[in-house]
Each structure stands twice: as structure tokens, then as C-alpha cells.
Amino acid sequence: MNIFRRPDYQSETTQFIQQLKANKPTLEAEQLAGRALLWDKSINRAVASDIAAGRVAQRAYVYAG
């Protein structure tokens, strides 16, 4: 061990988050459940390929008349 070593720095934000997690241990599980509601969805590959096939290529310069 180095005698000149300083204690590890923790910002106020890090301390706040650690205290919040300690006070509410179910917080991470609640966050994951909330994320699953909107973002963690399974993709229907058939519909996705139909959508991709229906796309029209954009012209090189959109504003050309």
C-alpha cells in the first residue's frame, strides 16, 4: 500500500445515486420494467422486411425542382 495514496474521489452525484439505491433497493428492477414497456420489444421480421421493401429511394438533392 502506498502511503501517499489519496482516498478515492466520489462526486456528489455518485454519492446521491448510491444513497438512492441503498434507500430503495427495488429501483433498478423498476427501471428495467419501465424500459421493457416501451423499448424492449420483439421485432416481427416479416413486417420489418415488408416495410424495408416498400421504401422509396431518396433523390440525391431533395430541393431540386
C-alpha atoms as a PDB file:
ATOM      1  CA  MET A   1       0.000   0.000   0.000  1.00  0.00           C
ATOM      2  CA  ASN A   2       1.264   3.440  -0.921  1.00  0.00           C
ATOM      3  CA  ILE A   3       1.476   5.861   1.999  1.00  0.00           C
ATOM      4  CA  PHE A   4       0.798   8.800  -0.338  1.00  0.00           C
ATOM      5  CA  ARG A   5      -2.436   7.354  -1.771  1.00  0.00           C
ATOM      6  CA  ARG A   6      -5.439   9.628  -1.508  1.00  0.00           C
ATOM      7  CA  PRO A   7      -8.890   8.267  -0.774  1.00  0.00           C
ATOM      8  CA  ASP A   8     -10.957   7.559  -3.884  1.00  0.00           C
ATOM      9  CA  TYR A   9     -12.954  10.568  -5.000  1.00  0.00           C
ATOM     10  CA  GLN A  10     -16.714  10.289  -5.401  1.00  0.00           C
ATOM     11  CA  SER A  11     -18.739  13.148  -6.790  1.00  0.00           C
ATOM     12  CA  GLU A  12     -21.913  14.357  -5.128  1.00  0.00           C
ATOM     13  CA  THR A  13     -23.905  12.798  -7.958  1.00  0.00           C
ATOM     14  CA  THR A  14     -22.324   9.388  -7.404  1.00  0.00           C
ATOM     15  CA  GLN A  15     -22.951   9.625  -3.680  1.00  0.00           C
ATOM     16  CA  PHE A  16     -26.580  10.609  -4.314  1.00  0.00           C
ATOM     17  CA  ILE A  17     -27.172   7.655  -6.655  1.00  0.00           C
ATOM     18  CA  GLN A  18     -25.559   5.206  -4.227  1.00  0.00           C
ATOM     19  CA  GLN A  19     -27.686   6.566  -1.377  1.00  0.00           C
ATOM     20  CA  LEU A  20     -30.827   6.384  -3.529  1.00  0.00           C
ATOM     21  CA  LYS A  21     -30.110   2.749  -4.432  1.00  0.00           C
ATOM     22  CA  ALA A  22     -29.440   1.932  -0.773  1.00  0.00           C
ATOM     23  CA  ASN A  23     -32.724   3.541   0.334  1.00  0.00           C
ATOM     24  CA  LYS A  24     -34.778   1.952  -2.452  1.00  0.00           C
ATOM     25  CA  PRO A  25     -33.342  -1.472  -3.383  1.00  0.00           C
ATOM     26  CA  THR A  26     -36.088  -2.158  -5.957  1.00  0.00           C
ATOM     27  CA  LEU A  27     -35.158   0.888  -8.035  1.00  0.00           C
ATOM     28  CA  GLU A  28     -33.160  -0.947 -10.713  1.00  0.00           C
ATOM     29  CA  ALA A  29     -35.864  -3.596 -11.163  1.00  0.00           C
ATOM     30  CA  GLU A  30     -38.473  -0.840 -11.556  1.00  0.00           C
ATOM     31  CA  GLN A  31     -36.306   0.906 -14.146  1.00  0.00           C
ATOM     32  CA  LEU A  32     -35.908  -2.298 -16.143  1.00  0.00           C
ATOM     33  CA  ALA A  33     -39.660  -2.919 -16.007  1.00  0.00           C
ATOM     34  CA  GLY A  34     -40.345   0.612 -17.253  1.00  0.00           C
ATOM     35  CA  ARG A  35     -37.859   0.191 -20.066  1.00  0.00           C
ATOM     36  CA  ALA A  36     -39.466  -3.094 -21.082  1.00  0.00           C
ATOM     37  CA  LEU A  37     -42.820  -1.334 -21.519  1.00  0.00           C
ATOM     38  CA  LEU A  38     -41.580   0.912 -24.316  1.00  0.00           C
ATOM     39  CA  TRP A  39     -38.250  -0.248 -25.682  1.00  0.00           C
ATOM     40  CA  ASP A  40     -37.594  -3.960 -25.197  1.00  0.00           C
ATOM     41  CA  LYS A  41     -39.942  -5.278 -27.854  1.00  0.00           C
ATOM     42  CA  SER A  42     -39.529  -8.286 -30.102  1.00  0.00           C
ATOM     43  CA  ILE A  43     -39.413  -7.489 -33.811  1.00  0.00           C
ATOM     44  CA  ASN A  44     -41.727  -9.122 -36.317  1.00  0.00           C
ATOM     45  CA  ARG A  45     -39.219  -9.879 -39.081  1.00  0.00           C
ATOM     46  CA  ALA A  46     -41.861 -10.370 -41.791  1.00  0.00           C
ATOM     47  CA  VAL A  47     -43.412  -6.952 -41.208  1.00  0.00           C
ATOM     48  CA  ALA A  48     -39.980  -5.305 -40.953  1.00  0.00           C
ATOM     49  CA  SER A  49     -38.917  -6.761 -44.300  1.00  0.00           C
ATOM     50  CA  ASP A  50     -42.196  -5.589 -45.911  1.00  0.00           C
ATOM     51  CA  ILE A  51     -41.580  -2.071 -44.617  1.00  0.00           C
ATOM     52  CA  ALA A  52     -37.987  -2.119 -45.892  1.00  0.00           C
ATOM     53  CA  ALA A  53     -39.124  -3.365 -49.302  1.00  0.00           C
ATOM     54  CA  GLY A  54     -41.669  -0.534 -49.577  1.00  0.00           C
ATOM     55  CA  ARG A  55     -39.142   2.255 -49.076  1.00  0.00           C
ATOM     56  CA  VAL A  56     -38.544   4.594 -51.988  1.00  0.00           C
ATOM     57  CA  ALA A  57     -35.004   5.781 -52.665  1.00  0.00           C
ATOM     58  CA  GLN A  58     -34.476   9.480 -51.976  1.00  0.00           C
ATOM     59  CA  ARG A  59     -33.126  11.679 -54.744  1.00  0.00           C
ATOM     60  CA  ALA A  60     -29.584  12.982 -54.422  1.00  0.00           C
ATOM     61  CA  TYR A  61     -30.703  16.598 -53.984  1.00  0.00           C
ATOM     62  CA  VAL A  62     -34.149  16.863 -52.456  1.00  0.00           C
ATOM     63  CA  TYR A  63     -34.756  20.532 -53.248  1.00  0.00           C
ATOM     64  CA  ALA A  64     -34.090  20.254 -56.990  1.00  0.00           C
ATOM     65  CA  GLY A  65     -37.249  21.067 -58.931  1.00  0.00           C
END
